[in-house]
């Protein structure tokens, strides 16, 4: 699969920068142990090459999930919504309302699933 430019897109968003420092609070796959909330994590969850009969695939369709974690639900919602606004310019959201509470970490998680078509 192709590399998703999620970090670069989030880092360039001024509205999101007002809420969180993407440089130190946005992670692919997993947040490092000891990371304090709020923070953002995303991961690729599926994908496929857009193959053709007469030539190799020239695009990859990649599904990803992004989760925003915070100590209160309001902040988690705000982060999720800001990330969605930023990333929806490049990809489309297929499941906009993932919600969870991690009782061990005592964190609220709010997120979404989205698809991104990347040219190879």
N, C-alpha and C. Protein backbone atom coordinates (compact mmCIF):
# COMPACT_ATOMS: atom_id res chain seq x y z
N UNK A 1 0.82 -1.18 0.00
CA UNK A 1 0.00 0.00 0.00
C UNK A 1 0.88 1.25 0.00
N UNK A 2 0.31 2.30 -0.46
CA UNK A 2 1.01 3.58 -0.51
C UNK A 2 0.99 4.25 0.86
N UNK A 3 1.94 5.11 1.09
CA UNK A 3 2.01 5.86 2.33
C UNK A 3 0.91 6.91 2.35
N UNK A 4 0.10 6.91 3.40
CA UNK A 4 -0.95 7.91 3.54
C UNK A 4 -0.37 9.20 4.12
N UNK A 5 -0.65 10.34 3.52
CA UNK A 5 -0.11 11.61 4.02
C UNK A 5 -0.95 12.23 5.14
N UNK A 6 -1.36 11.41 6.08
CA UNK A 6 -2.21 11.90 7.17
C UNK A 6 -1.45 12.89 8.05
N UNK A 7 -0.25 12.51 8.48
CA UNK A 7 0.52 13.39 9.37
C UNK A 7 0.75 14.74 8.71
N UNK A 8 1.19 14.73 7.46
CA UNK A 8 1.49 15.97 6.74
C UNK A 8 0.22 16.84 6.61
N UNK A 9 -0.92 16.22 6.34
CA UNK A 9 -2.17 16.95 6.20
C UNK A 9 -2.60 17.56 7.54
N UNK A 10 -2.52 16.78 8.62
CA UNK A 10 -2.88 17.30 9.94
C UNK A 10 -1.95 18.41 10.38
N UNK A 11 -0.66 18.23 10.13
CA UNK A 11 0.34 19.22 10.56
C UNK A 11 0.13 20.57 9.86
N UNK A 12 -0.38 20.55 8.64
CA UNK A 12 -0.57 21.78 7.87
C UNK A 12 -1.87 22.52 8.23
N UNK A 13 -2.69 21.95 9.08
CA UNK A 13 -3.99 22.53 9.38
C UNK A 13 -3.91 23.48 10.57
N UNK A 14 -4.16 24.76 10.33
CA UNK A 14 -4.06 25.78 11.39
C UNK A 14 -5.14 25.62 12.45
N UNK A 15 -6.34 25.20 12.05
CA UNK A 15 -7.42 25.01 13.03
C UNK A 15 -7.08 23.91 14.02
N UNK A 16 -6.50 22.83 13.52
CA UNK A 16 -6.11 21.73 14.39
C UNK A 16 -4.95 22.15 15.29
N UNK A 17 -4.02 22.94 14.75
CA UNK A 17 -2.88 23.41 15.54
C UNK A 17 -3.32 24.23 16.75
N UNK A 18 -4.48 24.86 16.66
CA UNK A 18 -4.99 25.62 17.80
C UNK A 18 -5.43 24.70 18.94
N UNK A 19 -5.68 23.43 18.62
CA UNK A 19 -6.15 22.46 19.63
C UNK A 19 -5.06 21.54 20.15
N UNK A 20 -4.09 21.21 19.29
CA UNK A 20 -3.09 20.20 19.65
C UNK A 20 -1.81 20.42 18.85
N UNK A 21 -0.68 20.08 19.43
CA UNK A 21 0.60 20.15 18.73
C UNK A 21 0.81 18.83 17.99
N UNK A 22 0.48 18.81 16.72
CA UNK A 22 0.55 17.59 15.92
C UNK A 22 1.96 17.00 15.93
N UNK A 23 2.95 17.85 16.00
CA UNK A 23 4.36 17.40 15.99
C UNK A 23 4.64 16.37 17.09
N UNK A 24 4.03 16.56 18.26
CA UNK A 24 4.32 15.66 19.39
C UNK A 24 3.11 14.89 19.90
N UNK A 25 1.93 15.09 19.27
CA UNK A 25 0.71 14.46 19.78
C UNK A 25 -0.08 13.69 18.71
N UNK A 26 0.56 13.37 17.58
CA UNK A 26 -0.10 12.59 16.53
C UNK A 26 0.80 11.43 16.15
N UNK A 27 0.22 10.22 16.12
CA UNK A 27 1.02 9.01 15.95
C UNK A 27 0.36 8.04 14.98
N UNK A 28 1.19 7.33 14.25
CA UNK A 28 0.69 6.25 13.41
C UNK A 28 0.76 4.95 14.19
N UNK A 29 -0.30 4.18 14.17
CA UNK A 29 -0.43 2.87 14.79
C UNK A 29 -0.64 2.90 16.31
N UNK A 30 0.27 3.51 17.05
CA UNK A 30 0.14 3.46 18.52
C UNK A 30 0.87 4.65 19.14
N UNK A 31 0.30 5.18 20.20
CA UNK A 31 0.98 6.25 20.94
C UNK A 31 2.04 5.62 21.82
N UNK A 32 3.21 6.23 21.92
CA UNK A 32 4.25 5.68 22.79
C UNK A 32 3.79 5.60 24.25
N UNK A 33 4.26 4.62 24.99
CA UNK A 33 3.91 4.53 26.42
C UNK A 33 4.24 5.84 27.13
N UNK A 34 3.33 6.26 27.98
CA UNK A 34 3.55 7.48 28.74
C UNK A 34 3.06 8.75 28.06
N UNK A 35 2.52 8.63 26.84
CA UNK A 35 1.99 9.81 26.16
C UNK A 35 0.80 10.35 26.94
N UNK A 36 0.80 11.63 27.21
CA UNK A 36 -0.31 12.23 27.93
C UNK A 36 -1.37 12.73 26.95
N UNK A 37 -2.60 12.61 27.38
CA UNK A 37 -3.73 13.08 26.55
C UNK A 37 -3.79 14.60 26.60
N UNK A 38 -4.32 15.21 25.55
CA UNK A 38 -4.93 14.61 24.38
C UNK A 38 -3.88 14.21 23.33
N UNK A 39 -4.26 13.23 22.50
CA UNK A 39 -3.42 12.84 21.38
C UNK A 39 -4.27 12.16 20.31
N UNK A 40 -3.67 11.98 19.15
CA UNK A 40 -4.33 11.41 17.98
C UNK A 40 -3.54 10.19 17.52
N UNK A 41 -4.26 9.13 17.15
CA UNK A 41 -3.63 7.92 16.60
C UNK A 41 -4.42 7.51 15.36
N UNK A 42 -3.70 7.10 14.31
CA UNK A 42 -4.38 6.55 13.14
C UNK A 42 -3.66 5.30 12.69
N UNK A 43 -4.41 4.46 11.97
CA UNK A 43 -3.81 3.24 11.42
C UNK A 43 -4.55 2.84 10.16
N UNK A 44 -3.85 2.18 9.27
CA UNK A 44 -4.46 1.61 8.08
C UNK A 44 -5.19 0.35 8.50
N UNK A 45 -6.45 0.21 8.08
CA UNK A 45 -7.21 -0.98 8.48
C UNK A 45 -7.54 -1.90 7.30
N UNK A 46 -7.46 -1.40 6.08
CA UNK A 46 -7.63 -2.26 4.92
C UNK A 46 -7.27 -1.48 3.66
N UNK A 47 -7.28 -2.16 2.56
CA UNK A 47 -7.01 -1.49 1.30
C UNK A 47 -6.93 -2.46 0.16
N UNK A 48 -6.93 -1.92 -1.02
CA UNK A 48 -6.74 -2.75 -2.21
C UNK A 48 -6.20 -1.88 -3.35
N UNK A 49 -5.50 -2.52 -4.24
CA UNK A 49 -5.00 -1.85 -5.43
C UNK A 49 -6.13 -1.77 -6.45
N UNK A 50 -6.23 -0.64 -7.10
CA UNK A 50 -7.23 -0.48 -8.18
C UNK A 50 -6.62 -1.03 -9.46
N UNK A 51 -6.78 -2.34 -9.65
CA UNK A 51 -6.17 -3.04 -10.77
C UNK A 51 -6.96 -2.83 -12.06
N UNK A 52 -6.26 -3.01 -13.17
CA UNK A 52 -6.85 -2.91 -14.50
C UNK A 52 -6.48 -4.17 -15.28
N UNK A 53 -7.27 -4.53 -16.26
CA UNK A 53 -6.95 -5.70 -17.07
C UNK A 53 -5.77 -5.46 -18.01
N UNK A 54 -5.60 -4.24 -18.46
CA UNK A 54 -4.58 -3.97 -19.47
C UNK A 54 -3.31 -3.30 -18.95
N UNK A 55 -3.26 -3.00 -17.65
CA UNK A 55 -2.06 -2.37 -17.09
C UNK A 55 -2.07 -2.54 -15.56
N UNK A 56 -0.93 -2.34 -14.92
CA UNK A 56 -0.87 -2.47 -13.46
C UNK A 56 -1.71 -1.38 -12.78
N UNK A 57 -2.01 -1.61 -11.53
CA UNK A 57 -2.77 -0.62 -10.75
C UNK A 57 -2.02 0.70 -10.71
N UNK A 58 -2.77 1.78 -10.83
CA UNK A 58 -2.15 3.10 -10.73
C UNK A 58 -2.66 3.88 -9.52
N UNK A 59 -3.58 3.28 -8.76
CA UNK A 59 -4.09 3.88 -7.54
C UNK A 59 -4.26 2.80 -6.48
N UNK A 60 -4.11 3.18 -5.23
CA UNK A 60 -4.42 2.32 -4.10
C UNK A 60 -5.57 2.96 -3.33
N UNK A 61 -6.57 2.17 -3.00
CA UNK A 61 -7.70 2.61 -2.20
C UNK A 61 -7.45 2.09 -0.79
N UNK A 62 -7.16 2.99 0.14
CA UNK A 62 -6.75 2.59 1.48
C UNK A 62 -7.75 3.11 2.51
N UNK A 63 -8.20 2.21 3.38
CA UNK A 63 -9.09 2.60 4.46
C UNK A 63 -8.26 2.76 5.73
N UNK A 64 -8.53 3.84 6.45
CA UNK A 64 -7.83 4.08 7.70
C UNK A 64 -8.82 4.45 8.79
N UNK A 65 -8.36 4.34 10.03
CA UNK A 65 -9.16 4.75 11.18
C UNK A 65 -8.34 5.74 11.98
N UNK A 66 -8.98 6.82 12.38
CA UNK A 66 -8.33 7.82 13.22
C UNK A 66 -9.11 7.92 14.52
N UNK A 67 -8.38 7.96 15.63
CA UNK A 67 -8.98 8.11 16.96
C UNK A 67 -8.32 9.28 17.68
N UNK A 68 -9.14 10.10 18.32
CA UNK A 68 -8.65 11.18 19.17
C UNK A 68 -8.95 10.79 20.61
N UNK A 69 -7.95 10.87 21.47
CA UNK A 69 -8.09 10.49 22.88
C UNK A 69 -7.90 11.72 23.77
N UNK A 70 -8.74 11.81 24.81
CA UNK A 70 -8.66 12.92 25.76
C UNK A 70 -9.24 12.48 27.09
N UNK A 71 -8.97 13.26 28.11
CA UNK A 71 -9.48 12.93 29.44
C UNK A 71 -10.94 13.31 29.62
N UNK A 72 -11.49 14.08 28.67
CA UNK A 72 -12.91 14.41 28.71
C UNK A 72 -13.50 14.26 27.31
N UNK A 73 -14.78 13.93 27.27
CA UNK A 73 -15.44 13.66 25.98
C UNK A 73 -15.47 14.89 25.09
N UNK A 74 -15.66 16.06 25.64
CA UNK A 74 -15.75 17.28 24.85
C UNK A 74 -14.47 17.51 24.04
N UNK A 75 -13.32 17.37 24.67
CA UNK A 75 -12.05 17.55 23.97
C UNK A 75 -11.85 16.49 22.90
N UNK A 76 -12.23 15.26 23.22
CA UNK A 76 -12.11 14.18 22.23
C UNK A 76 -12.97 14.47 21.01
N UNK A 77 -14.21 14.93 21.23
CA UNK A 77 -15.09 15.31 20.12
C UNK A 77 -14.48 16.44 19.29
N UNK A 78 -13.98 17.47 19.97
CA UNK A 78 -13.40 18.62 19.26
C UNK A 78 -12.21 18.21 18.40
N UNK A 79 -11.34 17.36 18.95
CA UNK A 79 -10.19 16.89 18.18
C UNK A 79 -10.62 16.05 16.99
N UNK A 80 -11.56 15.12 17.23
CA UNK A 80 -12.05 14.30 16.13
C UNK A 80 -12.63 15.16 15.02
N UNK A 81 -13.45 16.13 15.38
CA UNK A 81 -14.09 16.98 14.38
C UNK A 81 -13.07 17.82 13.61
N UNK A 82 -12.05 18.31 14.30
CA UNK A 82 -11.00 19.09 13.62
C UNK A 82 -10.18 18.21 12.67
N UNK A 83 -9.88 17.00 13.10
CA UNK A 83 -9.16 16.07 12.23
C UNK A 83 -10.00 15.71 11.01
N UNK A 84 -11.27 15.46 11.25
CA UNK A 84 -12.17 15.13 10.14
C UNK A 84 -12.23 16.28 9.13
N UNK A 85 -12.39 17.50 9.61
CA UNK A 85 -12.46 18.66 8.72
C UNK A 85 -11.19 18.79 7.89
N UNK A 86 -10.07 18.50 8.50
CA UNK A 86 -8.79 18.58 7.78
C UNK A 86 -8.65 17.47 6.74
N UNK A 87 -8.95 16.25 7.14
CA UNK A 87 -8.70 15.09 6.27
C UNK A 87 -9.78 14.89 5.21
N UNK A 88 -10.98 15.40 5.46
CA UNK A 88 -12.06 15.24 4.48
C UNK A 88 -11.80 15.99 3.18
N UNK A 89 -10.85 16.88 3.18
CA UNK A 89 -10.47 17.59 1.95
C UNK A 89 -9.74 16.65 0.99
N UNK A 90 -9.17 15.56 1.55
CA UNK A 90 -8.37 14.62 0.75
C UNK A 90 -8.96 13.21 0.68
N UNK A 91 -9.80 12.87 1.63
CA UNK A 91 -10.37 11.53 1.71
C UNK A 91 -11.84 11.64 2.10
N UNK A 92 -12.55 10.53 2.09
CA UNK A 92 -13.96 10.60 2.47
C UNK A 92 -14.23 9.69 3.66
N UNK A 93 -15.07 10.19 4.56
CA UNK A 93 -15.39 9.49 5.80
C UNK A 93 -16.52 8.50 5.53
N UNK A 94 -16.30 7.26 5.94
CA UNK A 94 -17.32 6.23 5.75
C UNK A 94 -18.06 5.89 7.04
N UNK A 95 -17.43 6.07 8.18
CA UNK A 95 -18.06 5.84 9.49
C UNK A 95 -17.66 7.01 10.39
N UNK A 96 -18.52 7.99 10.57
CA UNK A 96 -18.13 9.21 11.27
C UNK A 96 -18.25 9.18 12.78
N UNK A 97 -18.69 8.07 13.37
CA UNK A 97 -19.05 8.16 14.79
C UNK A 97 -18.56 6.98 15.63
N UNK A 98 -17.27 6.82 15.73
CA UNK A 98 -16.72 5.81 16.63
C UNK A 98 -16.54 6.46 18.01
N UNK A 99 -17.05 5.81 19.03
CA UNK A 99 -16.95 6.33 20.39
C UNK A 99 -16.56 5.20 21.33
N UNK A 100 -15.70 5.52 22.30
CA UNK A 100 -15.32 4.53 23.30
C UNK A 100 -14.84 5.23 24.56
N UNK A 101 -14.80 4.46 25.64
CA UNK A 101 -14.19 4.92 26.88
C UNK A 101 -13.29 3.81 27.37
N UNK A 102 -12.02 4.13 27.57
CA UNK A 102 -11.04 3.17 28.07
C UNK A 102 -10.96 3.35 29.59
N UNK A 103 -11.59 2.43 30.33
CA UNK A 103 -11.66 2.58 31.78
C UNK A 103 -10.30 2.39 32.46
N UNK A 104 -9.41 1.63 31.85
CA UNK A 104 -8.09 1.45 32.43
C UNK A 104 -7.25 2.73 32.30
N UNK A 105 -7.24 3.31 31.09
CA UNK A 105 -6.48 4.54 30.86
C UNK A 105 -7.27 5.79 31.28
N UNK A 106 -8.58 5.62 31.51
CA UNK A 106 -9.47 6.72 31.85
C UNK A 106 -9.46 7.80 30.76
N UNK A 107 -9.61 7.34 29.51
CA UNK A 107 -9.62 8.24 28.36
C UNK A 107 -10.86 8.01 27.50
N UNK A 108 -11.37 9.10 26.99
CA UNK A 108 -12.44 9.04 25.99
C UNK A 108 -11.80 8.99 24.61
N UNK A 109 -12.35 8.14 23.76
CA UNK A 109 -11.88 8.06 22.38
C UNK A 109 -13.02 8.38 21.43
N UNK A 110 -12.74 9.24 20.47
CA UNK A 110 -13.72 9.57 19.43
C UNK A 110 -12.98 9.50 18.10
N UNK A 111 -13.61 8.86 17.12
CA UNK A 111 -12.90 8.70 15.86
C UNK A 111 -13.79 8.47 14.67
N UNK A 112 -13.16 8.09 13.57
CA UNK A 112 -13.87 7.81 12.32
C UNK A 112 -13.04 6.89 11.44
N UNK A 113 -13.73 6.22 10.54
CA UNK A 113 -13.09 5.46 9.46
C UNK A 113 -13.21 6.28 8.20
N UNK A 114 -12.19 6.21 7.35
CA UNK A 114 -12.23 6.96 6.09
C UNK A 114 -11.43 6.22 5.02
N UNK A 115 -11.66 6.60 3.79
CA UNK A 115 -10.94 6.03 2.65
C UNK A 115 -10.15 7.12 1.94
N UNK A 116 -8.99 6.73 1.46
CA UNK A 116 -8.12 7.66 0.73
C UNK A 116 -7.64 6.93 -0.52
N UNK A 117 -7.86 7.52 -1.67
CA UNK A 117 -7.34 6.96 -2.92
C UNK A 117 -6.05 7.70 -3.26
N UNK A 118 -4.97 6.94 -3.32
CA UNK A 118 -3.65 7.51 -3.58
C UNK A 118 -3.11 7.06 -4.93
N UNK A 119 -2.62 8.01 -5.68
CA UNK A 119 -1.96 7.67 -6.92
C UNK A 119 -0.60 7.07 -6.62
N UNK A 120 -0.25 6.03 -7.37
CA UNK A 120 1.05 5.39 -7.16
C UNK A 120 2.17 6.19 -7.78
